[in-house]
N, C-alpha and C. Protein backbone atom coordinates (compact mmCIF):
# COMPACT_ATOMS: atom_id res chain seq x y z
N MET A 1 40.79 217.41 49.00
CA MET A 1 41.29 218.36 48.02
C MET A 1 40.25 219.45 47.83
N GLY A 2 40.65 220.59 47.29
CA GLY A 2 39.78 221.75 47.12
C GLY A 2 38.76 221.59 46.02
N LYS A 3 38.20 222.72 45.63
CA LYS A 3 37.18 222.73 44.60
C LYS A 3 37.75 222.29 43.26
N VAL A 4 36.87 221.78 42.41
CA VAL A 4 37.25 221.37 41.06
C VAL A 4 37.31 222.64 40.22
N SER A 5 38.41 222.84 39.52
CA SER A 5 38.58 224.05 38.72
C SER A 5 37.66 224.04 37.51
N LEU A 6 37.47 225.22 36.95
CA LEU A 6 36.64 225.36 35.75
C LEU A 6 37.23 224.57 34.58
N ALA A 7 38.54 224.60 34.45
CA ALA A 7 39.20 223.86 33.36
C ALA A 7 38.96 222.36 33.51
N ASP A 8 39.05 221.84 34.74
CA ASP A 8 38.80 220.42 34.96
C ASP A 8 37.34 220.06 34.65
N LYS A 9 36.41 220.93 35.03
CA LYS A 9 35.00 220.67 34.73
C LYS A 9 34.78 220.63 33.21
N MET A 10 35.43 221.53 32.50
CA MET A 10 35.28 221.56 31.04
C MET A 10 35.87 220.30 30.41
N ARG A 11 37.02 219.82 30.94
CA ARG A 11 37.62 218.59 30.43
C ARG A 11 36.71 217.39 30.69
N ILE A 12 36.13 217.34 31.89
CA ILE A 12 35.21 216.25 32.22
C ILE A 12 34.01 216.29 31.29
N GLN A 13 33.50 217.50 31.03
CA GLN A 13 32.36 217.64 30.13
C GLN A 13 32.70 217.13 28.72
N THR A 14 33.87 217.51 28.22
CA THR A 14 34.28 217.07 26.88
C THR A 14 34.42 215.56 26.83
N LEU A 15 35.06 214.97 27.82
CA LEU A 15 35.22 213.51 27.85
C LEU A 15 33.87 212.81 28.00
N ARG A 16 32.98 213.42 28.75
CA ARG A 16 31.66 212.81 28.95
C ARG A 16 30.87 212.83 27.64
N GLU A 17 30.98 213.94 26.90
CA GLU A 17 30.28 214.03 25.62
C GLU A 17 30.85 213.04 24.61
N GLN A 18 32.11 212.65 24.78
CA GLN A 18 32.74 211.67 23.89
C GLN A 18 32.54 210.24 24.41
N HIS A 19 31.77 210.10 25.49
CA HIS A 19 31.45 208.80 26.09
C HIS A 19 32.72 208.07 26.55
N LEU A 20 33.61 208.79 27.17
CA LEU A 20 34.86 208.20 27.68
C LEU A 20 34.85 208.21 29.21
N ALA A 21 33.90 207.51 29.78
CA ALA A 21 33.74 207.50 31.23
C ALA A 21 34.94 206.90 31.95
N LYS A 22 35.52 205.85 31.36
CA LYS A 22 36.67 205.22 32.00
C LYS A 22 37.87 206.17 32.03
N ALA A 23 38.05 206.96 30.98
CA ALA A 23 39.15 207.93 30.95
C ALA A 23 38.95 209.00 32.01
N ILE A 24 37.71 209.40 32.23
CA ILE A 24 37.42 210.41 33.26
C ILE A 24 37.77 209.85 34.62
N MET A 25 37.28 208.66 34.92
CA MET A 25 37.51 208.05 36.23
C MET A 25 39.01 207.83 36.47
N ALA A 26 39.72 207.37 35.44
CA ALA A 26 41.15 207.09 35.61
C ALA A 26 41.93 208.38 35.83
N ALA A 27 41.63 209.41 35.05
CA ALA A 27 42.40 210.66 35.13
C ALA A 27 42.16 211.42 36.43
N TYR A 28 40.92 211.49 36.85
CA TYR A 28 40.60 212.36 37.98
C TYR A 28 40.66 211.68 39.33
N THR A 29 40.58 210.37 39.38
CA THR A 29 40.82 209.70 40.66
C THR A 29 42.31 209.67 40.96
N VAL A 30 43.15 209.64 39.91
CA VAL A 30 44.60 209.71 40.11
C VAL A 30 44.97 211.11 40.62
N LYS A 31 44.26 212.14 40.17
CA LYS A 31 44.52 213.51 40.61
C LYS A 31 44.12 213.74 42.06
N GLY A 32 43.46 212.80 42.66
CA GLY A 32 43.07 212.95 44.05
C GLY A 32 41.62 213.38 44.22
N ARG A 33 40.86 213.38 43.15
CA ARG A 33 39.44 213.74 43.23
C ARG A 33 38.66 212.52 43.72
N ALA A 34 37.68 212.76 44.53
CA ALA A 34 36.82 211.68 45.00
C ALA A 34 35.97 211.19 43.84
N LEU A 35 35.72 209.92 43.82
CA LEU A 35 34.92 209.32 42.76
C LEU A 35 33.51 209.90 42.75
N SER A 36 32.97 210.19 43.93
CA SER A 36 31.62 210.76 44.01
C SER A 36 31.56 212.15 43.38
N THR A 37 32.62 212.95 43.52
CA THR A 37 32.67 214.28 42.92
C THR A 37 32.66 214.18 41.41
N VAL A 38 33.46 213.27 40.86
CA VAL A 38 33.52 213.10 39.41
C VAL A 38 32.18 212.60 38.89
N LYS A 39 31.54 211.69 39.63
CA LYS A 39 30.23 211.17 39.21
C LYS A 39 29.17 212.27 39.22
N LYS A 40 29.22 213.15 40.22
CA LYS A 40 28.25 214.25 40.29
C LYS A 40 28.41 215.20 39.10
N ILE A 41 29.64 215.48 38.74
CA ILE A 41 29.89 216.35 37.58
C ILE A 41 29.38 215.68 36.31
N CYS A 42 29.62 214.38 36.16
CA CYS A 42 29.12 213.64 34.99
C CYS A 42 27.59 213.63 34.95
N GLN A 43 26.96 213.47 36.10
CA GLN A 43 25.50 213.49 36.15
C GLN A 43 24.96 214.87 35.78
N ARG A 44 25.64 215.94 36.20
CA ARG A 44 25.23 217.29 35.85
C ARG A 44 25.34 217.52 34.34
N VAL A 45 26.41 216.97 33.73
CA VAL A 45 26.56 217.08 32.27
C VAL A 45 25.42 216.36 31.58
N ASP A 46 25.06 215.17 32.07
CA ASP A 46 23.96 214.41 31.46
C ASP A 46 22.62 215.12 31.63
N ARG A 47 22.42 215.72 32.79
CA ARG A 47 21.15 216.35 33.11
C ARG A 47 20.96 217.71 32.42
N THR A 48 22.01 218.57 32.47
CA THR A 48 21.86 219.94 31.98
C THR A 48 22.60 220.19 30.67
N GLY A 49 23.56 219.34 30.34
CA GLY A 49 24.35 219.56 29.13
C GLY A 49 25.59 220.39 29.37
N SER A 50 25.81 220.83 30.60
CA SER A 50 26.98 221.64 30.92
C SER A 50 27.47 221.30 32.31
N ALA A 51 28.78 221.30 32.46
CA ALA A 51 29.35 221.00 33.78
C ALA A 51 29.49 222.26 34.63
N THR A 52 29.41 223.43 34.00
CA THR A 52 29.66 224.67 34.74
C THR A 52 28.41 225.47 35.03
N GLU A 53 27.40 225.38 34.17
CA GLU A 53 26.20 226.18 34.35
C GLU A 53 25.14 225.38 35.07
N ARG A 54 24.44 226.08 35.97
CA ARG A 54 23.34 225.43 36.67
C ARG A 54 22.04 225.75 35.96
N LYS A 55 21.08 224.89 36.14
CA LYS A 55 19.80 225.12 35.47
C LYS A 55 19.05 226.26 36.16
N ALA A 56 18.14 226.88 35.44
CA ALA A 56 17.39 228.02 35.95
C ALA A 56 16.55 227.61 37.14
N GLY A 57 16.47 228.48 38.11
CA GLY A 57 15.69 228.19 39.31
C GLY A 57 16.46 227.43 40.35
N CYS A 58 17.70 227.13 40.06
CA CYS A 58 18.52 226.38 40.99
C CYS A 58 19.10 227.34 42.03
N GLY A 59 19.14 226.94 43.25
CA GLY A 59 19.69 227.78 44.30
C GLY A 59 18.60 228.41 45.16
N ARG A 60 19.04 229.16 46.15
CA ARG A 60 18.12 229.79 47.09
C ARG A 60 17.41 230.95 46.41
N SER A 61 16.12 231.08 46.64
CA SER A 61 15.37 232.17 46.04
C SER A 61 15.65 233.47 46.78
N LYS A 62 15.53 234.57 46.08
CA LYS A 62 15.76 235.89 46.66
C LYS A 62 14.43 236.43 47.14
N SER A 63 14.01 235.99 48.30
CA SER A 63 12.68 236.34 48.78
C SER A 63 12.62 237.77 49.31
N VAL A 64 13.71 238.29 49.86
CA VAL A 64 13.68 239.63 50.45
C VAL A 64 13.72 240.70 49.37
N ARG A 65 14.49 240.47 48.31
CA ARG A 65 14.60 241.47 47.25
C ARG A 65 13.48 241.29 46.22
N SER A 66 12.27 241.22 46.71
CA SER A 66 11.11 241.08 45.83
C SER A 66 10.71 242.46 45.31
N GLU A 67 9.85 242.47 44.31
CA GLU A 67 9.39 243.74 43.73
C GLU A 67 8.66 244.59 44.76
N ALA A 68 7.88 243.94 45.62
CA ALA A 68 7.14 244.68 46.64
C ALA A 68 8.08 245.36 47.63
N ASN A 69 9.10 244.63 48.09
CA ASN A 69 10.06 245.22 49.04
C ASN A 69 10.89 246.32 48.38
N ILE A 70 11.26 246.12 47.12
CA ILE A 70 12.03 247.15 46.41
C ILE A 70 11.21 248.42 46.29
N ALA A 71 9.93 248.27 45.93
CA ALA A 71 9.05 249.44 45.81
C ALA A 71 8.85 250.13 47.15
N ALA A 72 8.71 249.35 48.23
CA ALA A 72 8.50 249.94 49.56
C ALA A 72 9.75 250.69 50.03
N VAL A 73 10.93 250.11 49.81
CA VAL A 73 12.17 250.78 50.20
C VAL A 73 12.34 252.06 49.38
N GLU A 74 12.06 251.98 48.09
CA GLU A 74 12.18 253.16 47.24
C GLU A 74 11.25 254.28 47.70
N GLU A 75 10.03 253.91 48.08
CA GLU A 75 9.07 254.91 48.54
C GLU A 75 9.54 255.56 49.83
N LEU A 76 10.04 254.76 50.77
CA LEU A 76 10.49 255.32 52.05
C LEU A 76 11.74 256.18 51.88
N ILE A 77 12.62 255.82 50.96
CA ILE A 77 13.81 256.63 50.73
C ILE A 77 13.43 257.92 50.02
N CYS A 78 12.55 257.84 49.03
CA CYS A 78 12.16 259.02 48.26
C CYS A 78 11.32 259.99 49.08
N LEU A 79 10.64 259.52 50.12
CA LEU A 79 9.86 260.41 50.97
C LEU A 79 10.74 261.42 51.70
N GLN A 80 11.98 261.06 51.96
CA GLN A 80 12.85 261.93 52.74
C GLN A 80 13.70 262.85 51.89
N GLU A 81 13.58 262.78 50.56
CA GLU A 81 14.37 263.66 49.70
C GLU A 81 13.84 265.08 49.79
N GLY A 82 14.74 266.02 49.94
CA GLY A 82 14.37 267.43 49.95
C GLY A 82 13.86 267.93 51.28
N GLU A 83 13.66 267.07 52.24
CA GLU A 83 13.18 267.49 53.55
C GLU A 83 14.36 267.54 54.51
N THR A 84 14.60 268.70 55.09
CA THR A 84 15.70 268.82 56.04
C THR A 84 15.22 268.37 57.41
N GLY A 85 16.06 267.64 58.08
CA GLY A 85 15.75 267.18 59.43
C GLY A 85 14.83 265.96 59.46
N GLN A 86 14.31 265.55 58.34
CA GLN A 86 13.43 264.39 58.28
C GLN A 86 14.12 263.29 57.50
N HIS A 87 14.66 262.33 58.18
CA HIS A 87 15.30 261.22 57.49
C HIS A 87 15.14 259.95 58.32
N SER A 88 15.17 258.84 57.64
CA SER A 88 15.10 257.54 58.29
C SER A 88 16.39 256.79 57.98
N SER A 89 16.92 256.13 58.98
CA SER A 89 18.11 255.33 58.74
C SER A 89 17.70 254.00 58.11
N SER A 90 18.69 253.26 57.65
CA SER A 90 18.38 251.95 57.07
C SER A 90 17.79 251.02 58.13
N ARG A 91 18.17 251.20 59.37
CA ARG A 91 17.60 250.38 60.45
C ARG A 91 16.13 250.70 60.67
N GLU A 92 15.79 252.00 60.61
CA GLU A 92 14.39 252.39 60.80
C GLU A 92 13.52 251.88 59.66
N ILE A 93 14.03 251.99 58.43
CA ILE A 93 13.28 251.48 57.27
C ILE A 93 13.13 249.97 57.38
N ALA A 94 14.18 249.28 57.82
CA ALA A 94 14.13 247.83 57.97
C ALA A 94 13.10 247.43 59.02
N ALA A 95 13.02 248.19 60.10
CA ALA A 95 12.05 247.88 61.15
C ALA A 95 10.62 248.08 60.64
N LYS A 96 10.41 249.13 59.83
CA LYS A 96 9.07 249.38 59.28
C LYS A 96 8.63 248.26 58.34
N LEU A 97 9.59 247.72 57.56
CA LEU A 97 9.26 246.71 56.56
C LEU A 97 9.45 245.28 57.06
N ASN A 98 9.99 245.13 58.26
CA ASN A 98 10.25 243.82 58.86
C ASN A 98 11.24 243.00 58.03
N ILE A 99 12.31 243.66 57.57
CA ILE A 99 13.42 242.99 56.90
C ILE A 99 14.70 243.47 57.57
N THR A 100 15.82 242.86 57.25
CA THR A 100 17.07 243.26 57.90
C THR A 100 17.62 244.54 57.29
N ASP A 101 18.44 245.25 58.06
CA ASP A 101 19.01 246.52 57.57
C ASP A 101 20.00 246.29 56.43
N ILE A 102 20.69 245.16 56.43
CA ILE A 102 21.61 244.87 55.33
C ILE A 102 20.82 244.65 54.04
N SER A 103 19.61 244.09 54.14
CA SER A 103 18.77 243.92 52.96
C SER A 103 18.32 245.26 52.41
N VAL A 104 18.03 246.20 53.30
CA VAL A 104 17.65 247.56 52.86
C VAL A 104 18.82 248.21 52.13
N ARG A 105 20.02 248.09 52.68
CA ARG A 105 21.19 248.68 52.02
C ARG A 105 21.48 247.99 50.69
N ARG A 106 21.29 246.66 50.64
CA ARG A 106 21.52 245.92 49.40
C ARG A 106 20.50 246.34 48.33
N ILE A 107 19.24 246.51 48.71
CA ILE A 107 18.22 246.97 47.77
C ILE A 107 18.55 248.37 47.27
N ALA A 108 18.97 249.25 48.19
CA ALA A 108 19.30 250.62 47.80
C ALA A 108 20.47 250.65 46.83
N LYS A 109 21.46 249.82 47.05
CA LYS A 109 22.66 249.85 46.20
C LYS A 109 22.46 249.09 44.89
N GLN A 110 21.97 247.86 44.96
CA GLN A 110 21.93 247.01 43.77
C GLN A 110 20.69 247.22 42.91
N ASP A 111 19.55 247.46 43.52
CA ASP A 111 18.31 247.57 42.75
C ASP A 111 17.96 249.02 42.42
N LEU A 112 18.17 249.92 43.38
CA LEU A 112 17.82 251.33 43.16
C LEU A 112 19.00 252.16 42.69
N HIS A 113 20.20 251.58 42.72
CA HIS A 113 21.43 252.25 42.27
C HIS A 113 21.66 253.56 43.00
N ILE A 114 21.46 253.53 44.32
CA ILE A 114 21.73 254.68 45.18
C ILE A 114 23.06 254.41 45.86
N THR A 115 24.04 255.26 45.61
CA THR A 115 25.36 255.00 46.18
C THR A 115 25.48 255.56 47.60
N ALA A 116 24.97 256.75 47.85
CA ALA A 116 25.05 257.34 49.18
C ALA A 116 23.65 257.32 49.77
N PHE A 117 23.39 256.36 50.64
CA PHE A 117 22.06 256.23 51.22
C PHE A 117 21.80 257.36 52.20
N CYS A 118 22.78 257.69 53.01
CA CYS A 118 22.61 258.72 54.03
C CYS A 118 23.59 259.85 53.74
N ARG A 119 23.08 261.05 53.59
CA ARG A 119 23.95 262.18 53.32
C ARG A 119 24.39 262.81 54.64
N VAL A 120 25.67 263.04 54.76
CA VAL A 120 26.22 263.63 55.95
C VAL A 120 26.60 265.06 55.61
N PRO A 121 26.11 266.05 56.36
CA PRO A 121 26.45 267.44 56.04
C PRO A 121 27.93 267.71 56.24
N ALA A 122 28.47 268.55 55.39
CA ALA A 122 29.88 268.92 55.50
C ALA A 122 30.08 269.86 56.68
N GLN A 123 31.31 269.97 57.12
CA GLN A 123 31.61 270.85 58.24
C GLN A 123 31.42 272.30 57.82
N VAL A 124 30.72 273.05 58.66
CA VAL A 124 30.46 274.45 58.38
C VAL A 124 31.57 275.28 59.00
N ILE A 125 32.23 276.08 58.16
CA ILE A 125 33.29 276.95 58.66
C ILE A 125 32.73 278.37 58.71
N ASN A 126 32.54 278.86 59.94
CA ASN A 126 32.05 280.22 60.13
C ASN A 126 33.13 281.02 60.86
N ASP A 127 32.79 282.22 61.29
CA ASP A 127 33.78 283.09 61.95
C ASP A 127 34.33 282.48 63.23
N ALA A 128 33.48 281.83 64.02
CA ALA A 128 33.94 281.22 65.27
C ALA A 128 34.92 280.07 64.98
N THR A 129 34.64 279.30 63.95
CA THR A 129 35.53 278.19 63.59
C THR A 129 36.87 278.73 63.10
N LYS A 130 36.83 279.81 62.31
CA LYS A 130 38.07 280.41 61.81
C LYS A 130 38.93 280.93 62.95
N GLU A 131 38.28 281.54 63.95
CA GLU A 131 39.02 282.05 65.11
C GLU A 131 39.66 280.89 65.88
N ALA A 132 38.94 279.79 66.03
CA ALA A 132 39.47 278.64 66.76
C ALA A 132 40.65 278.04 66.01
N ILE A 133 40.56 277.99 64.68
CA ILE A 133 41.66 277.45 63.87
C ILE A 133 42.89 278.35 63.98
N ALA A 134 42.66 279.66 63.92
CA ALA A 134 43.77 280.62 64.05
C ALA A 134 44.43 280.51 65.42
N ALA A 135 43.62 280.34 66.46
CA ALA A 135 44.17 280.21 67.82
C ALA A 135 44.99 278.93 67.94
N CYS A 136 44.51 277.84 67.35
CA CYS A 136 45.24 276.58 67.40
C CYS A 136 46.55 276.69 66.63
N ASN A 137 46.52 277.32 65.47
CA ASN A 137 47.74 277.49 64.68
C ASN A 137 48.73 278.38 65.41
N GLY A 138 48.25 279.41 66.06
CA GLY A 138 49.13 280.30 66.84
C GLY A 138 49.72 279.58 68.02
N PHE A 139 48.93 278.75 68.67
CA PHE A 139 49.41 277.99 69.82
C PHE A 139 50.46 276.98 69.39
N ALA A 140 50.25 276.32 68.26
CA ALA A 140 51.19 275.30 67.77
C ALA A 140 52.49 275.94 67.30
N SER A 141 52.40 277.12 66.67
CA SER A 141 53.62 277.75 66.14
C SER A 141 54.47 278.38 67.24
N SER A 142 53.86 278.72 68.39
CA SER A 142 54.64 279.33 69.47
C SER A 142 55.44 278.32 70.24
N GLY A 143 55.11 277.03 70.07
CA GLY A 143 55.89 275.98 70.72
C GLY A 143 55.47 275.74 72.14
N GLN A 144 54.38 276.31 72.58
CA GLN A 144 53.92 276.10 73.95
C GLN A 144 53.23 274.74 74.04
N SER A 145 53.39 274.13 75.17
CA SER A 145 52.70 272.87 75.42
C SER A 145 52.18 272.88 76.84
N SER A 146 51.16 272.07 77.09
CA SER A 146 50.59 272.08 78.43
C SER A 146 51.24 271.07 79.31
């Protein structure tokens, strides 16, 4: 069966706090939950006091998004502001810092709150472009095809 829902975890927590272990086992093993899953939830309630929240420090540490890496990415991104023709891609910054490019983009978006990491210049419409557009429109309106 799939994951235990939040509502079921809360019910297990309430029953556990009322010391009704037999009611928990009877209700949730009939629902198709494995006995080991119900026991783990009960142990979590005993250990942390909550069936839904994990204790602090639990889980994988965020080693790449450290303060040092955030500062280094910010410095490399800010170095290229205002300079035309001088820019580094997220891959180049990642290679300099020896981290992955997705980590650089994640730091830029989540920690530095930069939405557009790389600015792309807009299309320049000059006289030559206008003439080409006019020629294309004239060609299309005349009904000629190659």
